[in-house]
Amino acid sequence: MSTSKNFADYIIDQLSDIDGISIKKMFGEYGLFLSGKMVGLLCDDNLFIKPTEAGKKLIEDITYFSPYKGAKPYFLIDNIDNRFFLKELIIKTELALPLPKKKKAKL
């Protein structure tokens, strides 16, 4: 099962006051990006956020789950209706993640 457009639109609406937030369709699912960094995934109508120490401090009951077979475990976020919590989690996650590696030029 893939993520519905309605779910993706809801998550983006919840995060709409964050400058630089975007989603990108990837293999029937979505990547969640802030300032060019992938901070999470939308898979099977669930929100997964990359685990960071900053995120651990914000989440009361942490659930780790792999968004797809073979993936590393992410934080599975069930509190998607709390706009303020999501905003803080996404911003702190982005700040804790390194910049993406530059892609090598194609020959």
PDB file of N, CA and C in Angstrom:
ATOM      1  N   MET A   1       0.853  -1.177   0.000  1.00  0.00           N
ATOM      2  CA  MET A   1       0.000   0.000   0.000  1.00  0.00           C
ATOM      3  C   MET A   1       0.897   1.237   0.000  1.00  0.00           C
ATOM      4  N   SER A   2       0.516   2.232  -0.746  1.00  0.00           N
ATOM      5  CA  SER A   2       1.307   3.456  -0.786  1.00  0.00           C
ATOM      6  C   SER A   2       0.569   4.582  -0.058  1.00  0.00           C
ATOM      7  N   THR A   3       1.271   5.656   0.161  1.00  0.00           N
ATOM      8  CA  THR A   3       0.711   6.801   0.870  1.00  0.00           C
ATOM      9  C   THR A   3      -0.261   7.540  -0.041  1.00  0.00           C
ATOM     10  N   SER A   4      -1.419   7.881   0.511  1.00  0.00           N
ATOM     11  CA  SER A   4      -2.426   8.604  -0.259  1.00  0.00           C
ATOM     12  C   SER A   4      -2.038  10.070  -0.399  1.00  0.00           C
ATOM     13  N   LYS A   5      -2.487  10.672  -1.473  1.00  0.00           N
ATOM     14  CA  LYS A   5      -2.258  12.108  -1.692  1.00  0.00           C
ATOM     15  C   LYS A   5      -2.901  12.910  -0.572  1.00  0.00           C
ATOM     16  N   ASN A   6      -4.052  12.467  -0.069  1.00  0.00           N
ATOM     17  CA  ASN A   6      -4.729  13.170   1.030  1.00  0.00           C
ATOM     18  C   ASN A   6      -3.869  13.203   2.288  1.00  0.00           C
ATOM     19  N   PHE A   7      -3.222  12.078   2.611  1.00  0.00           N
ATOM     20  CA  PHE A   7      -2.355  12.033   3.793  1.00  0.00           C
ATOM     21  C   PHE A   7      -1.155  12.960   3.603  1.00  0.00           C
ATOM     22  N   ALA A   8      -0.533  12.899   2.432  1.00  0.00           N
ATOM     23  CA  ALA A   8       0.622  13.759   2.154  1.00  0.00           C
ATOM     24  C   ALA A   8       0.221  15.232   2.236  1.00  0.00           C
ATOM     25  N   ASP A   9      -0.928  15.572   1.681  1.00  0.00           N
ATOM     26  CA  ASP A   9      -1.410  16.957   1.740  1.00  0.00           C
ATOM     27  C   ASP A   9      -1.675  17.381   3.186  1.00  0.00           C
ATOM     28  N   TYR A  10      -2.205  16.477   4.008  1.00  0.00           N
ATOM     29  CA  TYR A  10      -2.475  16.796   5.417  1.00  0.00           C
ATOM     30  C   TYR A  10      -1.169  17.094   6.166  1.00  0.00           C
ATOM     31  N   ILE A  11      -0.172  16.264   5.954  1.00  0.00           N
ATOM     32  CA  ILE A  11       1.113  16.482   6.635  1.00  0.00           C
ATOM     33  C   ILE A  11       1.728  17.806   6.196  1.00  0.00           C
ATOM     34  N   ILE A  12       1.716  18.096   4.913  1.00  0.00           N
ATOM     35  CA  ILE A  12       2.264  19.369   4.437  1.00  0.00           C
ATOM     36  C   ILE A  12       1.463  20.538   5.001  1.00  0.00           C
ATOM     37  N   ASP A  13       0.161  20.395   5.108  1.00  0.00           N
ATOM     38  CA  ASP A  13      -0.657  21.454   5.708  1.00  0.00           C
ATOM     39  C   ASP A  13      -0.275  21.658   7.177  1.00  0.00           C
ATOM     40  N   GLN A  14      -0.055  20.573   7.904  1.00  0.00           N
ATOM     41  CA  GLN A  14       0.344  20.670   9.312  1.00  0.00           C
ATOM     42  C   GLN A  14       1.676  21.400   9.469  1.00  0.00           C
ATOM     43  N   LEU A  15       2.532  21.303   8.468  1.00  0.00           N
ATOM     44  CA  LEU A  15       3.881  21.884   8.529  1.00  0.00           C
ATOM     45  C   LEU A  15       4.008  23.137   7.668  1.00  0.00           C
ATOM     46  N   SER A  16       2.898  23.671   7.212  1.00  0.00           N
ATOM     47  CA  SER A  16       2.911  24.755   6.226  1.00  0.00           C
ATOM     48  C   SER A  16       3.574  26.043   6.710  1.00  0.00           C
ATOM     49  N   ASP A  17       3.682  26.245   8.012  1.00  0.00           N
ATOM     50  CA  ASP A  17       4.317  27.490   8.472  1.00  0.00           C
ATOM     51  C   ASP A  17       5.832  27.350   8.656  1.00  0.00           C
ATOM     52  N   ILE A  18       6.406  26.243   8.197  1.00  0.00           N
ATOM     53  CA  ILE A  18       7.862  26.066   8.214  1.00  0.00           C
ATOM     54  C   ILE A  18       8.395  26.425   6.830  1.00  0.00           C
ATOM     55  N   ASP A  19       9.224  27.452   6.762  1.00  0.00           N
ATOM     56  CA  ASP A  19       9.840  27.822   5.484  1.00  0.00           C
ATOM     57  C   ASP A  19      10.776  26.721   5.024  1.00  0.00           C
ATOM     58  N   GLY A  20      10.672  26.347   3.757  1.00  0.00           N
ATOM     59  CA  GLY A  20      11.595  25.367   3.187  1.00  0.00           C
ATOM     60  C   GLY A  20      11.128  23.932   3.301  1.00  0.00           C
ATOM     61  N   ILE A  21       9.912  23.682   3.797  1.00  0.00           N
ATOM     62  CA  ILE A  21       9.409  22.307   3.919  1.00  0.00           C
ATOM     63  C   ILE A  21       8.863  21.861   2.566  1.00  0.00           C
ATOM     64  N   SER A  22       9.115  20.613   2.206  1.00  0.00           N
ATOM     65  CA  SER A  22       8.592  20.087   0.949  1.00  0.00           C
ATOM     66  C   SER A  22       8.530  18.561   1.018  1.00  0.00           C
ATOM     67  N   ILE A  23       7.766  18.013   0.087  1.00  0.00           N
ATOM     68  CA  ILE A  23       7.741  16.564  -0.070  1.00  0.00           C
ATOM     69  C   ILE A  23       8.097  16.244  -1.512  1.00  0.00           C
ATOM     70  N   LYS A  24       8.607  15.047  -1.698  1.00  0.00           N
ATOM     71  CA  LYS A  24       8.972  14.590  -3.038  1.00  0.00           C
ATOM     72  C   LYS A  24       8.487  13.157  -3.184  1.00  0.00           C
ATOM     73  N   LYS A  25       7.733  12.903  -4.244  1.00  0.00           N
ATOM     74  CA  LYS A  25       7.234  11.557  -4.483  1.00  0.00           C
ATOM     75  C   LYS A  25       8.397  10.645  -4.834  1.00  0.00           C
ATOM     76  N   MET A  26       8.448   9.512  -4.146  1.00  0.00           N
ATOM     77  CA  MET A  26       9.544   8.561  -4.335  1.00  0.00           C
ATOM     78  C   MET A  26       8.992   7.144  -4.259  1.00  0.00           C
ATOM     79  N   PHE A  27       8.938   6.451  -5.378  1.00  0.00           N
ATOM     80  CA  PHE A  27       8.535   5.043  -5.412  1.00  0.00           C
ATOM     81  C   PHE A  27       7.159   4.803  -4.792  1.00  0.00           C
ATOM     82  N   GLY A  28       6.214   5.680  -5.033  1.00  0.00           N
ATOM     83  CA  GLY A  28       4.867   5.527  -4.500  1.00  0.00           C
ATOM     84  C   GLY A  28       4.711   6.062  -3.092  1.00  0.00           C
ATOM     85  N   GLU A  29       5.784   6.480  -2.500  1.00  0.00           N
ATOM     86  CA  GLU A  29       5.773   7.070  -1.160  1.00  0.00           C
ATOM     87  C   GLU A  29       6.329   8.484  -1.287  1.00  0.00           C
ATOM     88  N   TYR A  30       6.610   9.130  -0.160  1.00  0.00           N
ATOM     89  CA  TYR A  30       7.100  10.503  -0.195  1.00  0.00           C
ATOM     90  C   TYR A  30       8.276  10.682   0.752  1.00  0.00           C
ATOM     91  N   GLY A  31       9.249  11.480   0.318  1.00  0.00           N
ATOM     92  CA  GLY A  31      10.306  11.949   1.193  1.00  0.00           C
ATOM     93  C   GLY A  31       9.898  13.308   1.730  1.00  0.00           C
ATOM     94  N   LEU A  32      10.213  13.574   2.992  1.00  0.00           N
ATOM     95  CA  LEU A  32       9.914  14.852   3.632  1.00  0.00           C
ATOM     96  C   LEU A  32      11.234  15.598   3.803  1.00  0.00           C
ATOM     97  N   PHE A  33      11.308  16.816   3.257  1.00  0.00           N
ATOM     98  CA  PHE A  33      12.548  17.579   3.229  1.00  0.00           C
ATOM     99  C   PHE A  33      12.386  18.937   3.894  1.00  0.00           C
ATOM    100  N   LEU A  34      13.437  19.365   4.565  1.00  0.00           N
ATOM    101  CA  LEU A  34      13.513  20.719   5.095  1.00  0.00           C
ATOM    102  C   LEU A  34      14.886  21.263   4.745  1.00  0.00           C
ATOM    103  N   SER A  35      14.899  22.381   4.051  1.00  0.00           N
ATOM    104  CA  SER A  35      16.150  23.033   3.633  1.00  0.00           C
ATOM    105  C   SER A  35      17.089  22.069   2.911  1.00  0.00           C
ATOM    106  N   GLY A  36      16.537  21.214   2.074  1.00  0.00           N
ATOM    107  CA  GLY A  36      17.333  20.280   1.290  1.00  0.00           C
ATOM    108  C   GLY A  36      17.737  19.012   2.008  1.00  0.00           C
ATOM    109  N   LYS A  37      17.421  18.893   3.278  1.00  0.00           N
ATOM    110  CA  LYS A  37      17.754  17.683   4.039  1.00  0.00           C
ATOM    111  C   LYS A  37      16.516  16.804   4.165  1.00  0.00           C
ATOM    112  N   MET A  38      16.685  15.502   3.912  1.00  0.00           N
ATOM    113  CA  MET A  38      15.577  14.584   4.135  1.00  0.00           C
ATOM    114  C   MET A  38      15.447  14.348   5.641  1.00  0.00           C
ATOM    115  N   VAL A  39      14.315  14.760   6.193  1.00  0.00           N
ATOM    116  CA  VAL A  39      14.082  14.613   7.630  1.00  0.00           C
ATOM    117  C   VAL A  39      13.148  13.461   7.945  1.00  0.00           C
ATOM    118  N   GLY A  40      12.451  12.964   6.924  1.00  0.00           N
ATOM    119  CA  GLY A  40      11.525  11.882   7.190  1.00  0.00           C
ATOM    120  C   GLY A  40      10.933  11.307   5.922  1.00  0.00           C
ATOM    121  N   LEU A  41      10.021  10.376   6.144  1.00  0.00           N
ATOM    122  CA  LEU A  41       9.335   9.690   5.054  1.00  0.00           C
ATOM    123  C   LEU A  41       7.849   9.589   5.377  1.00  0.00           C
ATOM    124  N   LEU A  42       7.046   9.593   4.333  1.00  0.00           N
ATOM    125  CA  LEU A  42       5.631   9.271   4.451  1.00  0.00           C
ATOM    126  C   LEU A  42       5.453   7.947   3.728  1.00  0.00           C
ATOM    127  N   CYS A  43       5.148   6.898   4.490  1.00  0.00           N
ATOM    128  CA  CYS A  43       5.001   5.560   3.924  1.00  0.00           C
ATOM    129  C   CYS A  43       3.755   4.903   4.498  1.00  0.00           C
ATOM    130  N   ASP A  44       2.943   4.327   3.615  1.00  0.00           N
ATOM    131  CA  ASP A  44       1.723   3.629   4.040  1.00  0.00           C
ATOM    132  C   ASP A  44       0.863   4.489   4.958  1.00  0.00           C
ATOM    133  N   ASP A  45       0.741   5.760   4.619  1.00  0.00           N
ATOM    134  CA  ASP A  45      -0.050   6.727   5.403  1.00  0.00           C
ATOM    135  C   ASP A  45       0.431   6.835   6.847  1.00  0.00           C
ATOM    136  N   ASN A  46       1.730   6.749   7.027  1.00  0.00           N
ATOM    137  CA  ASN A  46       2.369   6.957   8.324  1.00  0.00           C
ATOM    138  C   ASN A  46       3.502   7.958   8.155  1.00  0.00           C
ATOM    139  N   LEU A  47       3.790   8.685   9.236  1.00  0.00           N
ATOM    140  CA  LEU A  47       4.886   9.641   9.246  1.00  0.00           C
ATOM    141  C   LEU A  47       6.065   9.041   9.998  1.00  0.00           C
ATOM    142  N   PHE A  48       7.196   8.975   9.325  1.00  0.00           N
ATOM    143  CA  PHE A  48       8.434   8.462   9.898  1.00  0.00           C
ATOM    144  C   PHE A  48       9.450   9.589   9.891  1.00  0.00           C
ATOM    145  N   ILE A  49      10.095   9.834  11.028  1.00  0.00           N
ATOM    146  CA  ILE A  49      11.096  10.883  11.155  1.00  0.00           C
ATOM    147  C   ILE A  49      12.437  10.241  11.489  1.00  0.00           C
ATOM    148  N   LYS A  50      13.491  10.755  10.842  1.00  0.00           N
ATOM    149  CA  LYS A  50      14.831  10.221  11.119  1.00  0.00           C
ATOM    150  C   LYS A  50      15.153  10.387  12.601  1.00  0.00           C
ATOM    151  N   PRO A  51      15.682   9.353  13.216  1.00  0.00           N
ATOM    152  CA  PRO A  51      15.991   9.440  14.646  1.00  0.00           C
ATOM    153  C   PRO A  51      17.208  10.320  14.924  1.00  0.00           C
ATOM    154  N   THR A  52      17.051  11.193  15.906  1.00  0.00           N
ATOM    155  CA  THR A  52      18.142  12.052  16.377  1.00  0.00           C
ATOM    156  C   THR A  52      18.013  12.159  17.895  1.00  0.00           C
ATOM    157  N   GLU A  53      19.078  12.573  18.536  1.00  0.00           N
ATOM    158  CA  GLU A  53      19.022  12.796  19.983  1.00  0.00           C
ATOM    159  C   GLU A  53      18.032  13.917  20.310  1.00  0.00           C
ATOM    160  N   ALA A  54      18.017  14.955  19.478  1.00  0.00           N
ATOM    161  CA  ALA A  54      17.083  16.065  19.700  1.00  0.00           C
ATOM    162  C   ALA A  54      15.635  15.578  19.624  1.00  0.00           C
ATOM    163  N   GLY A  55      15.357  14.685  18.691  1.00  0.00           N
ATOM    164  CA  GLY A  55      14.020  14.129  18.555  1.00  0.00           C
ATOM    165  C   GLY A  55      13.624  13.275  19.748  1.00  0.00           C
ATOM    166  N   LYS A  56      14.573  12.510  20.269  1.00  0.00           N
ATOM    167  CA  LYS A  56      14.309  11.666  21.437  1.00  0.00           C
ATOM    168  C   LYS A  56      13.822  12.487  22.620  1.00  0.00           C
ATOM    169  N   LYS A  57      14.351  13.684  22.756  1.00  0.00           N
ATOM    170  CA  LYS A  57      13.972  14.544  23.884  1.00  0.00           C
ATOM    171  C   LYS A  57      12.554  15.078  23.753  1.00  0.00           C
ATOM    172  N   LEU A  58      12.016  15.092  22.553  1.00  0.00           N
ATOM    173  CA  LEU A  58      10.677  15.636  22.325  1.00  0.00           C
ATOM    174  C   LEU A  58       9.569  14.589  22.358  1.00  0.00           C
ATOM    175  N   ILE A  59       9.916  13.348  22.043  1.00  0.00           N
ATOM    176  CA  ILE A  59       8.901  12.294  21.913  1.00  0.00           C
ATOM    177  C   ILE A  59       8.772  11.557  23.235  1.00  0.00           C
ATOM    178  N   GLU A  60       7.544  11.506  23.755  1.00  0.00           N
ATOM    179  CA  GLU A  60       7.323  10.847  25.049  1.00  0.00           C
ATOM    180  C   GLU A  60       7.470   9.332  24.953  1.00  0.00           C
ATOM    181  N   ASP A  61       6.704   8.710  24.098  1.00  0.00           N
ATOM    182  CA  ASP A  61       6.760   7.254  23.929  1.00  0.00           C
ATOM    183  C   ASP A  61       7.293   6.963  22.537  1.00  0.00           C
ATOM    184  N   ILE A  62       8.581   6.665  22.455  1.00  0.00           N
ATOM    185  CA  ILE A  62       9.220   6.467  21.153  1.00  0.00           C
ATOM    186  C   ILE A  62       8.895   5.081  20.622  1.00  0.00           C
ATOM    187  N   THR A  63       8.443   5.061  19.365  1.00  0.00           N
ATOM    188  CA  THR A  63       8.233   3.820  18.642  1.00  0.00           C
ATOM    189  C   THR A  63       9.161   3.842  17.436  1.00  0.00           C
ATOM    190  N   TYR A  64      10.028   2.853  17.347  1.00  0.00           N
ATOM    191  CA  TYR A  64      10.910   2.729  16.195  1.00  0.00           C
ATOM    192  C   TYR A  64      10.281   1.727  15.234  1.00  0.00           C
ATOM    193  N   PHE A  65      10.320   2.063  13.950  1.00  0.00           N
ATOM    194  CA  PHE A  65       9.748   1.173  12.947  1.00  0.00           C
ATOM    195  C   PHE A  65      10.418   1.456  11.616  1.00  0.00           C
ATOM    196  N   SER A  66      10.640   0.420  10.840  1.00  0.00           N
ATOM    197  CA  SER A  66      11.212   0.599   9.502  1.00  0.00           C
ATOM    198  C   SER A  66      10.092   0.949   8.532  1.00  0.00           C
ATOM    199  N   PRO A  67      10.235   2.033   7.799  1.00  0.00           N
ATOM    200  CA  PRO A  67       9.175   2.451   6.895  1.00  0.00           C
ATOM    201  C   PRO A  67       8.957   1.505   5.714  1.00  0.00           C
ATOM    202  N   TYR A  68       9.983   0.740   5.371  1.00  0.00           N
ATOM    203  CA  TYR A  68       9.861  -0.250   4.303  1.00  0.00           C
ATOM    204  C   TYR A  68      10.924  -1.321   4.548  1.00  0.00           C
ATOM    205  N   LYS A  69      10.764  -2.444   3.895  1.00  0.00           N
ATOM    206  CA  LYS A  69      11.668  -3.572   4.091  1.00  0.00           C
ATOM    207  C   LYS A  69      13.101  -3.165   3.769  1.00  0.00           C
ATOM    208  N   GLY A  70      14.002  -3.432   4.681  1.00  0.00           N
ATOM    209  CA  GLY A  70      15.413  -3.141   4.508  1.00  0.00           C
ATOM    210  C   GLY A  70      15.840  -1.764   4.986  1.00  0.00           C
ATOM    211  N   ALA A  71      14.881  -0.940   5.399  1.00  0.00           N
ATOM    212  CA  ALA A  71      15.209   0.413   5.870  1.00  0.00           C
ATOM    213  C   ALA A  71      15.629   0.385   7.334  1.00  0.00           C
ATOM    214  N   LYS A  72      16.446   1.356   7.701  1.00  0.00           N
ATOM    215  CA  LYS A  72      16.787   1.534   9.112  1.00  0.00           C
ATOM    216  C   LYS A  72      15.541   1.996   9.853  1.00  0.00           C
ATOM    217  N   PRO A  73      15.457   1.697  11.151  1.00  0.00           N
ATOM    218  CA  PRO A  73      14.294   2.163  11.916  1.00  0.00           C
ATOM    219  C   PRO A  73      14.270   3.687  12.048  1.00  0.00           C
ATOM    220  N   TYR A  74      13.093   4.233  11.933  1.00  0.00           N
ATOM    221  CA  TYR A  74      12.827   5.658  12.107  1.00  0.00           C
ATOM    222  C   TYR A  74      11.892   5.808  13.305  1.00  0.00           C
ATOM    223  N   PHE A  75      11.693   7.044  13.758  1.00  0.00           N
ATOM    224  CA  PHE A  75      10.633   7.312  14.728  1.00  0.00           C
ATOM    225  C   PHE A  75       9.308   7.235  13.976  1.00  0.00           C
ATOM    226  N   LEU A  76       8.394   6.417  14.457  1.00  0.00           N
ATOM    227  CA  LEU A  76       7.039   6.377  13.910  1.00  0.00           C
ATOM    228  C   LEU A  76       6.216   7.379  14.714  1.00  0.00           C
ATOM    229  N   ILE A  77       5.705   8.408  14.047  1.00  0.00           N
ATOM    230  CA  ILE A  77       5.016   9.503  14.725  1.00  0.00           C
ATOM    231  C   ILE A  77       3.509   9.298  14.624  1.00  0.00           C
ATOM    232  N   ASP A  78       2.868   9.158  15.776  1.00  0.00           N
ATOM    233  CA  ASP A  78       1.410   8.989  15.772  1.00  0.00           C
ATOM    234  C   ASP A  78       0.677  10.272  16.148  1.00  0.00           C
ATOM    235  N   ASN A  79       1.400  11.257  16.620  1.00  0.00           N
ATOM    236  CA  ASN A  79       0.803  12.515  17.071  1.00  0.00           C
ATOM    237  C   ASN A  79       0.838  13.542  15.929  1.00  0.00           C
ATOM    238  N   ILE A  80       0.255  13.185  14.781  1.00  0.00           N
ATOM    239  CA  ILE A  80       0.340  14.054  13.610  1.00  0.00           C
ATOM    240  C   ILE A  80      -0.646  15.217  13.655  1.00  0.00           C
ATOM    241  N   ASP A  81      -1.568  15.209  14.588  1.00  0.00           N
ATOM    242  CA  ASP A  81      -2.542  16.292  14.680  1.00  0.00           C
ATOM    243  C   ASP A  81      -2.038  17.472  15.500  1.00  0.00           C
ATOM    244  N   ASN A  82      -0.914  17.297  16.197  1.00  0.00           N
ATOM    245  CA  ASN A  82      -0.356  18.369  17.009  1.00  0.00           C
ATOM    246  C   ASN A  82       0.659  19.146  16.175  1.00  0.00           C
ATOM    247  N   ARG A  83       0.189  20.187  15.546  1.00  0.00           N
ATOM    248  CA  ARG A  83       0.976  21.015  14.635  1.00  0.00           C
ATOM    249  C   ARG A  83       2.233  21.584  15.300  1.00  0.00           C
ATOM    250  N   PHE A  84       2.124  22.020  16.555  1.00  0.00           N
ATOM    251  CA  PHE A  84       3.253  22.636  17.258  1.00  0.00           C
ATOM    252  C   PHE A  84       4.338  21.608  17.561  1.00  0.00           C
ATOM    253  N   PHE A  85       3.932  20.423  17.989  1.00  0.00           N
ATOM    254  CA  PHE A  85       4.875  19.339  18.232  1.00  0.00           C
ATOM    255  C   PHE A  85       5.606  18.967  16.944  1.00  0.00           C
ATOM    256  N   LEU A  86       4.849  18.785  15.847  1.00  0.00           N
ATOM    257  CA  LEU A  86       5.465  18.406  14.575  1.00  0.00           C
ATOM    258  C   LEU A  86       6.469  19.452  14.102  1.00  0.00           C
ATOM    259  N   LYS A  87       6.091  20.707  14.222  1.00  0.00           N
ATOM    260  CA  LYS A  87       6.984  21.785  13.788  1.00  0.00           C
ATOM    261  C   LYS A  87       8.299  21.735  14.563  1.00  0.00           C
ATOM    262  N   GLU A  88       8.209  21.620  15.878  1.00  0.00           N
ATOM    263  CA  GLU A  88       9.417  21.578  16.700  1.00  0.00           C
ATOM    264  C   GLU A  88      10.260  20.347  16.371  1.00  0.00           C
ATOM    265  N   LEU A  89       9.604  19.201  16.206  1.00  0.00           N
ATOM    266  CA  LEU A  89      10.317  17.963  15.892  1.00  0.00           C
ATOM    267  C   LEU A  89      11.036  18.061  14.548  1.00  0.00           C
ATOM    268  N   ILE A  90      10.364  18.570  13.542  1.00  0.00           N
ATOM    269  CA  ILE A  90      10.960  18.666  12.213  1.00  0.00           C
ATOM    270  C   ILE A  90      12.138  19.637  12.215  1.00  0.00           C
ATOM    271  N   ILE A  91      11.973  20.789  12.829  1.00  0.00           N
ATOM    272  CA  ILE A  91      13.045  21.785  12.858  1.00  0.00           C
ATOM    273  C   ILE A  91      14.257  21.264  13.622  1.00  0.00           C
ATOM    274  N   LYS A  92      14.032  20.660  14.779  1.00  0.00           N
ATOM    275  CA  LYS A  92      15.164  20.146  15.567  1.00  0.00           C
ATOM    276  C   LYS A  92      15.839  18.968  14.880  1.00  0.00           C
ATOM    277  N   THR A  93      15.059  18.161  14.173  1.00  0.00           N
ATOM    278  CA  THR A  93      15.643  17.049  13.421  1.00  0.00           C
ATOM    279  C   THR A  93      16.533  17.586  12.309  1.00  0.00           C
ATOM    280  N   GLU A  94      16.042  18.569  11.572  1.00  0.00           N
ATOM    281  CA  GLU A  94      16.832  19.148  10.481  1.00  0.00           C
ATOM    282  C   GLU A  94      18.132  19.737  11.000  1.00  0.00           C
ATOM    283  N   LEU A  95      18.086  20.434  12.121  1.00  0.00           N
ATOM    284  CA  LEU A  95      19.289  21.035  12.690  1.00  0.00           C
ATOM    285  C   LEU A  95      20.307  19.980  13.128  1.00  0.00           C
ATOM    286  N   ALA A  96      19.824  18.805  13.547  1.00  0.00           N
ATOM    287  CA  ALA A  96      20.707  17.751  14.045  1.00  0.00           C
ATOM    288  C   ALA A  96      21.323  16.911  12.928  1.00  0.00           C
ATOM    289  N   LEU A  97      20.754  16.985  11.731  1.00  0.00           N
ATOM    290  CA  LEU A  97      21.248  16.156  10.633  1.00  0.00           C
ATOM    291  C   LEU A  97      22.362  16.868   9.869  1.00  0.00           C
ATOM    292  N   PRO A  98      23.323  16.092   9.362  1.00  0.00           N
ATOM    293  CA  PRO A  98      24.387  16.705   8.558  1.00  0.00           C
ATOM    294  C   PRO A  98      23.848  17.124   7.194  1.00  0.00           C
ATOM    295  N   LEU A  99      24.575  18.003   6.533  1.00  0.00           N
ATOM    296  CA  LEU A  99      24.212  18.386   5.174  1.00  0.00           C
ATOM    297  C   LEU A  99      24.311  17.160   4.271  1.00  0.00           C
ATOM    298  N   PRO A 100      23.470  17.085   3.247  1.00  0.00           N
ATOM    299  CA  PRO A 100      23.568  15.940   2.329  1.00  0.00           C
ATOM    300  C   PRO A 100      24.912  15.941   1.615  1.00  0.00           C
ATOM    301  N   LYS A 101      25.389  14.745   1.327  1.00  0.00           N
ATOM    302  CA  LYS A 101      26.653  14.624   0.585  1.00  0.00           C
ATOM    303  C   LYS A 101      26.441  15.096  -0.839  1.00  0.00           C
ATOM    304  N   LYS A 102      27.445  15.783  -1.365  1.00  0.00           N
ATOM    305  CA  LYS A 102      27.357  16.247  -2.746  1.00  0.00           C
ATOM    306  C   LYS A 102      27.489  15.043  -3.672  1.00  0.00           C
ATOM    307  N   LYS A 103      26.654  15.047  -4.716  1.00  0.00           N
ATOM    308  CA  LYS A 103      26.705  13.968  -5.696  1.00  0.00           C
ATOM    309  C   LYS A 103      27.888  14.175  -6.620  1.00  0.00           C
ATOM    310  N   LYS A 104      28.515  13.071  -6.994  1.00  0.00           N
ATOM    311  CA  LYS A 104      29.636  13.143  -7.919  1.00  0.00           C
ATOM    312  C   LYS A 104      29.103  13.470  -9.317  1.00  0.00           C
ATOM    313  N   ALA A 105      29.869  14.243 -10.027  1.00  0.00           N
ATOM    314  CA  ALA A 105      29.488  14.618 -11.386  1.00  0.00           C
ATOM    315  C   ALA A 105      29.477  13.374 -12.282  1.00  0.00           C
ATOM    316  N   LYS A 106      28.484  13.310 -13.156  1.00  0.00           N
ATOM    317  CA  LYS A 106      28.409  12.196 -14.095  1.00  0.00           C
ATOM    318  C   LYS A 106      29.384  12.434 -15.233  1.00  0.00           C
ATOM    319  N   LEU A 107      30.015  11.354 -15.660  1.00  0.00           N
ATOM    320  CA  LEU A 107      30.983  11.466 -16.772  1.00  0.00           C
ATOM    321  C   LEU A 107      30.296  11.301 -18.083  1.00  0.00           C
TER     322      LEU A 107
END
